[in-house]
Amino acid sequence: MQITDVQITRVQLDKIKAIASITLDDALIINGIKVIEGPEGLAVEMPRRKPFTEGIRYTAHPTNKEAWEYVTRTVINAFQKMEYIQA
């Protein structure tokens, strides 16, 4: 799996700093990834919705630690690059 494109839209919603979309292998787009400011710095939250039952359900997410770290690192790097360019 390769992330072939990252689009970042800056927002100012409390702890949410940006909304990202990623393209995987030029074939699949995942929208609604949040870049949030957490207690330990920037973090990524995958898109989710509230189901009819209790709890929260992610609509798309990595299935293993390596993929999660890859998505997180790529999205945060793109956000930081955008912030640097705009500064």
PDB file of N, CA and C in Angstrom:
ATOM      1  N   MET A   1       0.851  -1.176   0.000  1.00  0.00           N
ATOM      2  CA  MET A   1       0.000   0.000   0.000  1.00  0.00           C
ATOM      3  C   MET A   1       0.891   1.231   0.000  1.00  0.00           C
ATOM      4  N   GLN A   2       0.631   2.119  -0.931  1.00  0.00           N
ATOM      5  CA  GLN A   2       1.345   3.386  -1.003  1.00  0.00           C
ATOM      6  C   GLN A   2       0.343   4.531  -0.970  1.00  0.00           C
ATOM      7  N   ILE A   3       0.652   5.540  -0.175  1.00  0.00           N
ATOM      8  CA  ILE A   3      -0.137   6.764  -0.212  1.00  0.00           C
ATOM      9  C   ILE A   3       0.425   7.588  -1.356  1.00  0.00           C
ATOM     10  N   THR A   4      -0.384   7.770  -2.391  1.00  0.00           N
ATOM     11  CA  THR A   4       0.090   8.445  -3.592  1.00  0.00           C
ATOM     12  C   THR A   4      -0.299   9.915  -3.647  1.00  0.00           C
ATOM     13  N   ASP A   5      -1.181  10.354  -2.742  1.00  0.00           N
ATOM     14  CA  ASP A   5      -1.542  11.768  -2.688  1.00  0.00           C
ATOM     15  C   ASP A   5      -2.109  12.080  -1.311  1.00  0.00           C
ATOM     16  N   VAL A   6      -1.827  13.287  -0.833  1.00  0.00           N
ATOM     17  CA  VAL A   6      -2.385  13.782   0.427  1.00  0.00           C
ATOM     18  C   VAL A   6      -2.875  15.200   0.181  1.00  0.00           C
ATOM     19  N   GLN A   7      -4.125  15.461   0.517  1.00  0.00           N
ATOM     20  CA  GLN A   7      -4.704  16.799   0.432  1.00  0.00           C
ATOM     21  C   GLN A   7      -5.036  17.249   1.849  1.00  0.00           C
ATOM     22  N   ILE A   8      -4.601  18.448   2.214  1.00  0.00           N
ATOM     23  CA  ILE A   8      -4.814  18.984   3.558  1.00  0.00           C
ATOM     24  C   ILE A   8      -5.641  20.264   3.454  1.00  0.00           C
ATOM     25  N   THR A   9      -6.689  20.355   4.260  1.00  0.00           N
ATOM     26  CA  THR A   9      -7.484  21.575   4.370  1.00  0.00           C
ATOM     27  C   THR A   9      -7.400  22.044   5.811  1.00  0.00           C
ATOM     28  N   ARG A  10      -6.835  23.209   6.003  1.00  0.00           N
ATOM     29  CA  ARG A  10      -6.680  23.751   7.350  1.00  0.00           C
ATOM     30  C   ARG A  10      -8.034  24.213   7.886  1.00  0.00           C
ATOM     31  N   VAL A  11      -8.306  23.901   9.154  1.00  0.00           N
ATOM     32  CA  VAL A  11      -9.528  24.345   9.835  1.00  0.00           C
ATOM     33  C   VAL A  11      -9.157  24.820  11.233  1.00  0.00           C
ATOM     34  N   GLN A  12     -10.031  25.570  11.856  1.00  0.00           N
ATOM     35  CA  GLN A  12      -9.828  26.032  13.231  1.00  0.00           C
ATOM     36  C   GLN A  12     -11.048  25.629  14.050  1.00  0.00           C
ATOM     37  N   LEU A  13     -11.085  24.396  14.480  1.00  0.00           N
ATOM     38  CA  LEU A  13     -12.197  23.872  15.266  1.00  0.00           C
ATOM     39  C   LEU A  13     -11.653  23.257  16.550  1.00  0.00           C
ATOM     40  N   ASP A  14     -11.468  24.075  17.565  1.00  0.00           N
ATOM     41  CA  ASP A  14     -10.967  23.614  18.854  1.00  0.00           C
ATOM     42  C   ASP A  14      -9.649  22.869  18.651  1.00  0.00           C
ATOM     43  N   LYS A  15      -9.616  21.575  18.874  1.00  0.00           N
ATOM     44  CA  LYS A  15      -8.371  20.810  18.753  1.00  0.00           C
ATOM     45  C   LYS A  15      -8.110  20.316  17.335  1.00  0.00           C
ATOM     46  N   ILE A  16      -9.100  20.413  16.452  1.00  0.00           N
ATOM     47  CA  ILE A  16      -8.923  19.961  15.073  1.00  0.00           C
ATOM     48  C   ILE A  16      -8.182  21.044  14.298  1.00  0.00           C
ATOM     49  N   LYS A  17      -7.030  20.688  13.759  1.00  0.00           N
ATOM     50  CA  LYS A  17      -6.195  21.638  13.027  1.00  0.00           C
ATOM     51  C   LYS A  17      -6.380  21.551  11.517  1.00  0.00           C
ATOM     52  N   ALA A  18      -6.764  20.364  11.022  1.00  0.00           N
ATOM     53  CA  ALA A  18      -6.924  20.183   9.578  1.00  0.00           C
ATOM     54  C   ALA A  18      -7.750  18.933   9.304  1.00  0.00           C
ATOM     55  N   ILE A  19      -8.272  18.886   8.089  1.00  0.00           N
ATOM     56  CA  ILE A  19      -8.949  17.700   7.579  1.00  0.00           C
ATOM     57  C   ILE A  19      -8.142  17.245   6.363  1.00  0.00           C
ATOM     58  N   ALA A  20      -7.843  15.953   6.322  1.00  0.00           N
ATOM     59  CA  ALA A  20      -7.019  15.417   5.241  1.00  0.00           C
ATOM     60  C   ALA A  20      -7.783  14.382   4.429  1.00  0.00           C
ATOM     61  N   SER A  21      -7.360  14.243   3.185  1.00  0.00           N
ATOM     62  CA  SER A  21      -7.799  13.160   2.311  1.00  0.00           C
ATOM     63  C   SER A  21      -6.542  12.495   1.788  1.00  0.00           C
ATOM     64  N   ILE A  22      -6.542  11.169   1.771  1.00  0.00           N
ATOM     65  CA  ILE A  22      -5.399  10.454   1.213  1.00  0.00           C
ATOM     66  C   ILE A  22      -5.868   9.574   0.062  1.00  0.00           C
ATOM     67  N   THR A  23      -4.977   9.379  -0.897  1.00  0.00           N
ATOM     68  CA  THR A  23      -5.230   8.468  -2.004  1.00  0.00           C
ATOM     69  C   THR A  23      -4.272   7.297  -1.862  1.00  0.00           C
ATOM     70  N   LEU A  24      -4.811   6.088  -1.927  1.00  0.00           N
ATOM     71  CA  LEU A  24      -4.007   4.876  -1.817  1.00  0.00           C
ATOM     72  C   LEU A  24      -3.842   4.250  -3.194  1.00  0.00           C
ATOM     73  N   ASP A  25      -2.591   4.029  -3.582  1.00  0.00           N
ATOM     74  CA  ASP A  25      -2.257   3.365  -4.845  1.00  0.00           C
ATOM     75  C   ASP A  25      -2.990   3.963  -6.050  1.00  0.00           C
ATOM     76  N   ASP A  26      -3.212   5.281  -6.039  1.00  0.00           N
ATOM     77  CA  ASP A  26      -3.935   5.962  -7.122  1.00  0.00           C
ATOM     78  C   ASP A  26      -5.281   5.304  -7.420  1.00  0.00           C
ATOM     79  N   ALA A  27      -5.872   4.627  -6.415  1.00  0.00           N
ATOM     80  CA  ALA A  27      -7.093   3.872  -6.676  1.00  0.00           C
ATOM     81  C   ALA A  27      -8.202   4.081  -5.654  1.00  0.00           C
ATOM     82  N   LEU A  28      -7.863   4.496  -4.442  1.00  0.00           N
ATOM     83  CA  LEU A  28      -8.863   4.619  -3.381  1.00  0.00           C
ATOM     84  C   LEU A  28      -8.603   5.891  -2.592  1.00  0.00           C
ATOM     85  N   ILE A  29      -9.648   6.692  -2.383  1.00  0.00           N
ATOM     86  CA  ILE A  29      -9.528   7.931  -1.614  1.00  0.00           C
ATOM     87  C   ILE A  29     -10.246   7.759  -0.289  1.00  0.00           C
ATOM     88  N   ILE A  30      -9.588   8.176   0.786  1.00  0.00           N
ATOM     89  CA  ILE A  30     -10.200   8.214   2.116  1.00  0.00           C
ATOM     90  C   ILE A  30     -10.269   9.676   2.526  1.00  0.00           C
ATOM     91  N   ASN A  31     -11.486  10.178   2.707  1.00  0.00           N
ATOM     92  CA  ASN A  31     -11.726  11.560   3.109  1.00  0.00           C
ATOM     93  C   ASN A  31     -12.028  11.631   4.602  1.00  0.00           C
ATOM     94  N   GLY A  32     -11.911  12.827   5.161  1.00  0.00           N
ATOM     95  CA  GLY A  32     -12.355  13.060   6.531  1.00  0.00           C
ATOM     96  C   GLY A  32     -11.387  12.637   7.613  1.00  0.00           C
ATOM     97  N   ILE A  33     -10.099  12.557   7.293  1.00  0.00           N
ATOM     98  CA  ILE A  33      -9.087  12.237   8.301  1.00  0.00           C
ATOM     99  C   ILE A  33      -8.757  13.529   9.035  1.00  0.00           C
ATOM    100  N   LYS A  34      -8.848  13.514  10.352  1.00  0.00           N
ATOM    101  CA  LYS A  34      -8.615  14.727  11.139  1.00  0.00           C
ATOM    102  C   LYS A  34      -7.187  14.763  11.661  1.00  0.00           C
ATOM    103  N   VAL A  35      -6.577  15.946  11.593  1.00  0.00           N
ATOM    104  CA  VAL A  35      -5.306  16.211  12.270  1.00  0.00           C
ATOM    105  C   VAL A  35      -5.685  16.975  13.527  1.00  0.00           C
ATOM    106  N   ILE A  36      -5.384  16.391  14.682  1.00  0.00           N
ATOM    107  CA  ILE A  36      -5.787  17.002  15.946  1.00  0.00           C
ATOM    108  C   ILE A  36      -4.573  17.293  16.818  1.00  0.00           C
ATOM    109  N   GLU A  37      -4.721  18.304  17.660  1.00  0.00           N
ATOM    110  CA  GLU A  37      -3.687  18.648  18.642  1.00  0.00           C
ATOM    111  C   GLU A  37      -4.055  17.943  19.937  1.00  0.00           C
ATOM    112  N   GLY A  38      -3.251  16.957  20.301  1.00  0.00           N
ATOM    113  CA  GLY A  38      -3.491  16.203  21.524  1.00  0.00           C
ATOM    114  C   GLY A  38      -2.490  16.570  22.594  1.00  0.00           C
ATOM    115  N   PRO A  39      -2.581  15.930  23.754  1.00  0.00           N
ATOM    116  CA  PRO A  39      -1.673  16.236  24.857  1.00  0.00           C
ATOM    117  C   PRO A  39      -0.209  15.916  24.538  1.00  0.00           C
ATOM    118  N   GLU A  40       0.019  15.016  23.582  1.00  0.00           N
ATOM    119  CA  GLU A  40       1.388  14.637  23.214  1.00  0.00           C
ATOM    120  C   GLU A  40       1.780  15.173  21.842  1.00  0.00           C
ATOM    121  N   GLY A  41       1.057  16.166  21.341  1.00  0.00           N
ATOM    122  CA  GLY A  41       1.363  16.740  20.035  1.00  0.00           C
ATOM    123  C   GLY A  41       0.312  16.376  19.006  1.00  0.00           C
ATOM    124  N   LEU A  42       0.693  16.465  17.744  1.00  0.00           N
ATOM    125  CA  LEU A  42      -0.244  16.188  16.661  1.00  0.00           C
ATOM    126  C   LEU A  42      -0.558  14.702  16.569  1.00  0.00           C
ATOM    127  N   ALA A  43      -1.800  14.413  16.225  1.00  0.00           N
ATOM    128  CA  ALA A  43      -2.248  13.036  16.053  1.00  0.00           C
ATOM    129  C   ALA A  43      -3.238  13.004  14.898  1.00  0.00           C
ATOM    130  N   VAL A  44      -3.527  11.805  14.440  1.00  0.00           N
ATOM    131  CA  VAL A  44      -4.458  11.604  13.335  1.00  0.00           C
ATOM    132  C   VAL A  44      -5.647  10.793  13.843  1.00  0.00           C
ATOM    133  N   GLU A  45      -6.841  11.215  13.444  1.00  0.00           N
ATOM    134  CA  GLU A  45      -8.052  10.462  13.763  1.00  0.00           C
ATOM    135  C   GLU A  45      -8.734  10.093  12.456  1.00  0.00           C
ATOM    136  N   MET A  46      -8.962   8.814  12.277  1.00  0.00           N
ATOM    137  CA  MET A  46      -9.583   8.334  11.047  1.00  0.00           C
ATOM    138  C   MET A  46     -11.064   8.711  11.027  1.00  0.00           C
ATOM    139  N   PRO A  47     -11.675   8.750   9.826  1.00  0.00           N
ATOM    140  CA  PRO A  47     -13.089   9.121   9.728  1.00  0.00           C
ATOM    141  C   PRO A  47     -13.964   8.128  10.484  1.00  0.00           C
ATOM    142  N   ARG A  48     -15.018   8.650  11.110  1.00  0.00           N
ATOM    143  CA  ARG A  48     -15.900   7.795  11.896  1.00  0.00           C
ATOM    144  C   ARG A  48     -17.315   8.352  11.879  1.00  0.00           C
ATOM    145  N   ARG A  49     -18.226   7.537  12.363  1.00  0.00           N
ATOM    146  CA  ARG A  49     -19.620   7.961  12.483  1.00  0.00           C
ATOM    147  C   ARG A  49     -20.215   7.276  13.701  1.00  0.00           C
ATOM    148  N   LYS A  50     -21.304   7.826  14.167  1.00  0.00           N
ATOM    149  CA  LYS A  50     -22.027   7.191  15.261  1.00  0.00           C
ATOM    150  C   LYS A  50     -23.031   6.220  14.653  1.00  0.00           C
ATOM    151  N   PRO A  51     -22.930   4.944  14.999  1.00  0.00           N
ATOM    152  CA  PRO A  51     -23.916   3.986  14.475  1.00  0.00           C
ATOM    153  C   PRO A  51     -25.247   4.135  15.216  1.00  0.00           C
ATOM    154  N   PHE A  52     -26.239   3.423  14.748  1.00  0.00           N
ATOM    155  CA  PHE A  52     -27.541   3.470  15.400  1.00  0.00           C
ATOM    156  C   PHE A  52     -27.472   2.889  16.809  1.00  0.00           C
ATOM    157  N   THR A  53     -26.524   1.996  17.033  1.00  0.00           N
ATOM    158  CA  THR A  53     -26.321   1.436  18.369  1.00  0.00           C
ATOM    159  C   THR A  53     -25.286   2.281  19.095  1.00  0.00           C
ATOM    160  N   GLU A  54     -24.831   1.833  20.224  1.00  0.00           N
ATOM    161  CA  GLU A  54     -23.881   2.598  21.034  1.00  0.00           C
ATOM    162  C   GLU A  54     -22.489   2.638  20.408  1.00  0.00           C
ATOM    163  N   GLY A  55     -21.697   3.601  20.876  1.00  0.00           N
ATOM    164  CA  GLY A  55     -20.294   3.675  20.498  1.00  0.00           C
ATOM    165  C   GLY A  55     -20.038   4.480  19.245  1.00  0.00           C
ATOM    166  N   ILE A  56     -18.847   4.274  18.720  1.00  0.00           N
ATOM    167  CA  ILE A  56     -18.399   4.969  17.514  1.00  0.00           C
ATOM    168  C   ILE A  56     -17.832   3.920  16.572  1.00  0.00           C
ATOM    169  N   ARG A  57     -18.075   4.092  15.284  1.00  0.00           N
ATOM    170  CA  ARG A  57     -17.571   3.141  14.301  1.00  0.00           C
ATOM    171  C   ARG A  57     -16.710   3.893  13.289  1.00  0.00           C
ATOM    172  N   TYR A  58     -15.473   3.429  13.119  1.00  0.00           N
ATOM    173  CA  TYR A  58     -14.602   4.017  12.103  1.00  0.00           C
ATOM    174  C   TYR A  58     -15.067   3.541  10.733  1.00  0.00           C
ATOM    175  N   THR A  59     -15.161   4.469   9.786  1.00  0.00           N
ATOM    176  CA  THR A  59     -15.605   4.106   8.445  1.00  0.00           C
ATOM    177  C   THR A  59     -14.456   3.605   7.578  1.00  0.00           C
ATOM    178  N   ALA A  60     -13.239   3.958   7.951  1.00  0.00           N
ATOM    179  CA  ALA A  60     -12.035   3.462   7.283  1.00  0.00           C
ATOM    180  C   ALA A  60     -10.894   3.572   8.280  1.00  0.00           C
ATOM    181  N   HIS A  61     -10.047   2.551   8.332  1.00  0.00           N
ATOM    182  CA  HIS A  61      -8.915   2.599   9.257  1.00  0.00           C
ATOM    183  C   HIS A  61      -7.876   1.560   8.870  1.00  0.00           C
ATOM    184  N   PRO A  62      -6.611   1.807   9.224  1.00  0.00           N
ATOM    185  CA  PRO A  62      -5.570   0.809   8.996  1.00  0.00           C
ATOM    186  C   PRO A  62      -5.846  -0.432   9.846  1.00  0.00           C
ATOM    187  N   THR A  63      -5.423  -1.577   9.338  1.00  0.00           N
ATOM    188  CA  THR A  63      -5.699  -2.828  10.047  1.00  0.00           C
ATOM    189  C   THR A  63      -4.515  -3.355  10.842  1.00  0.00           C
ATOM    190  N   ASN A  64      -3.371  -2.668  10.763  1.00  0.00           N
ATOM    191  CA  ASN A  64      -2.235  -3.107  11.575  1.00  0.00           C
ATOM    192  C   ASN A  64      -1.401  -1.894  11.984  1.00  0.00           C
ATOM    193  N   LYS A  65      -0.493  -2.121  12.921  1.00  0.00           N
ATOM    194  CA  LYS A  65       0.298  -1.033  13.498  1.00  0.00           C
ATOM    195  C   LYS A  65       1.156  -0.325  12.450  1.00  0.00           C
ATOM    196  N   GLU A  66       1.782  -1.089  11.570  1.00  0.00           N
ATOM    197  CA  GLU A  66       2.657  -0.494  10.565  1.00  0.00           C
ATOM    198  C   GLU A  66       1.874   0.423   9.624  1.00  0.00           C
ATOM    199  N   ALA A  67       0.710  -0.015   9.196  1.00  0.00           N
ATOM    200  CA  ALA A  67      -0.116   0.814   8.312  1.00  0.00           C
ATOM    201  C   ALA A  67      -0.607   2.058   9.045  1.00  0.00           C
ATOM    202  N   TRP A  68      -0.992   1.897  10.314  1.00  0.00           N
ATOM    203  CA  TRP A  68      -1.446   3.046  11.112  1.00  0.00           C
ATOM    204  C   TRP A  68      -0.327   4.080  11.230  1.00  0.00           C
ATOM    205  N   GLU A  69       0.887   3.620  11.547  1.00  0.00           N
ATOM    206  CA  GLU A  69       2.025   4.535  11.679  1.00  0.00           C
ATOM    207  C   GLU A  69       2.348   5.208  10.349  1.00  0.00           C
ATOM    208  N   TYR A  70       2.245   4.475   9.250  1.00  0.00           N
ATOM    209  CA  TYR A  70       2.516   5.030   7.923  1.00  0.00           C
ATOM    210  C   TYR A  70       1.513   6.138   7.579  1.00  0.00           C
ATOM    211  N   VAL A  71       0.234   5.881   7.794  1.00  0.00           N
ATOM    212  CA  VAL A  71      -0.795   6.890   7.522  1.00  0.00           C
ATOM    213  C   VAL A  71      -0.579   8.106   8.413  1.00  0.00           C
ATOM    214  N   THR A  72      -0.364   7.875   9.702  1.00  0.00           N
ATOM    215  CA  THR A  72      -0.169   8.972  10.651  1.00  0.00           C
ATOM    216  C   THR A  72       1.031   9.827  10.263  1.00  0.00           C
ATOM    217  N   ARG A  73       2.156   9.190  10.018  1.00  0.00           N
ATOM    218  CA  ARG A  73       3.386   9.908   9.672  1.00  0.00           C
ATOM    219  C   ARG A  73       3.210  10.711   8.383  1.00  0.00           C
ATOM    220  N   THR A  74       2.603  10.111   7.378  1.00  0.00           N
ATOM    221  CA  THR A  74       2.435  10.779   6.089  1.00  0.00           C
ATOM    222  C   THR A  74       1.508  11.989   6.197  1.00  0.00           C
ATOM    223  N   VAL A  75       0.389  11.845   6.900  1.00  0.00           N
ATOM    224  CA  VAL A  75      -0.567  12.951   7.037  1.00  0.00           C
ATOM    225  C   VAL A  75       0.032  14.075   7.872  1.00  0.00           C
ATOM    226  N   ILE A  76       0.669  13.742   8.991  1.00  0.00           N
ATOM    227  CA  ILE A  76       1.264  14.781   9.841  1.00  0.00           C
ATOM    228  C   ILE A  76       2.397  15.494   9.111  1.00  0.00           C
ATOM    229  N   ASN A  77       3.220  14.764   8.377  1.00  0.00           N
ATOM    230  CA  ASN A  77       4.292  15.405   7.605  1.00  0.00           C
ATOM    231  C   ASN A  77       3.721  16.371   6.570  1.00  0.00           C
ATOM    232  N   ALA A  78       2.647  15.981   5.889  1.00  0.00           N
ATOM    233  CA  ALA A  78       2.021  16.867   4.899  1.00  0.00           C
ATOM    234  C   ALA A  78       1.452  18.112   5.577  1.00  0.00           C
ATOM    235  N   PHE A  79       0.843  17.948   6.750  1.00  0.00           N
ATOM    236  CA  PHE A  79       0.306  19.092   7.492  1.00  0.00           C
ATOM    237  C   PHE A  79       1.431  20.031   7.910  1.00  0.00           C
ATOM    238  N   GLN A  80       2.510  19.474   8.453  1.00  0.00           N
ATOM    239  CA  GLN A  80       3.631  20.311   8.899  1.00  0.00           C
ATOM    240  C   GLN A  80       4.285  21.026   7.724  1.00  0.00           C
ATOM    241  N   LYS A  81       4.392  20.367   6.588  1.00  0.00           N
ATOM    242  CA  LYS A  81       4.954  20.998   5.395  1.00  0.00           C
ATOM    243  C   LYS A  81       4.073  22.165   4.958  1.00  0.00           C
ATOM    244  N   MET A  82       2.754  21.980   4.981  1.00  0.00           N
ATOM    245  CA  MET A  82       1.827  23.053   4.628  1.00  0.00           C
ATOM    246  C   MET A  82       1.971  24.223   5.599  1.00  0.00           C
ATOM    247  N   GLU A  83       2.085  23.938   6.887  1.00  0.00           N
ATOM    248  CA  GLU A  83       2.241  24.983   7.898  1.00  0.00           C
ATOM    249  C   GLU A  83       3.543  25.757   7.675  1.00  0.00           C
ATOM    250  N   TYR A  84       4.622  25.048   7.334  1.00  0.00           N
ATOM    251  CA  TYR A  84       5.921  25.683   7.105  1.00  0.00           C
ATOM    252  C   TYR A  84       5.861  26.602   5.883  1.00  0.00           C
ATOM    253  N   ILE A  85       5.220  26.124   4.826  1.00  0.00           N
ATOM    254  CA  ILE A  85       5.128  26.916   3.598  1.00  0.00           C
ATOM    255  C   ILE A  85       4.298  28.172   3.827  1.00  0.00           C
ATOM    256  N   GLN A  86       3.240  28.079   4.625  1.00  0.00           N
ATOM    257  CA  GLN A  86       2.360  29.221   4.867  1.00  0.00           C
ATOM    258  C   GLN A  86       2.917  30.189   5.897  1.00  0.00           C
ATOM    259  N   ALA A  87       3.950  29.781   6.638  1.00  0.00           N
ATOM    260  CA  ALA A  87       4.523  30.658   7.681  1.00  0.00           C
ATOM    261  C   ALA A  87       5.394  31.739   7.087  1.00  0.00           C
TER     262      ALA A  87
END
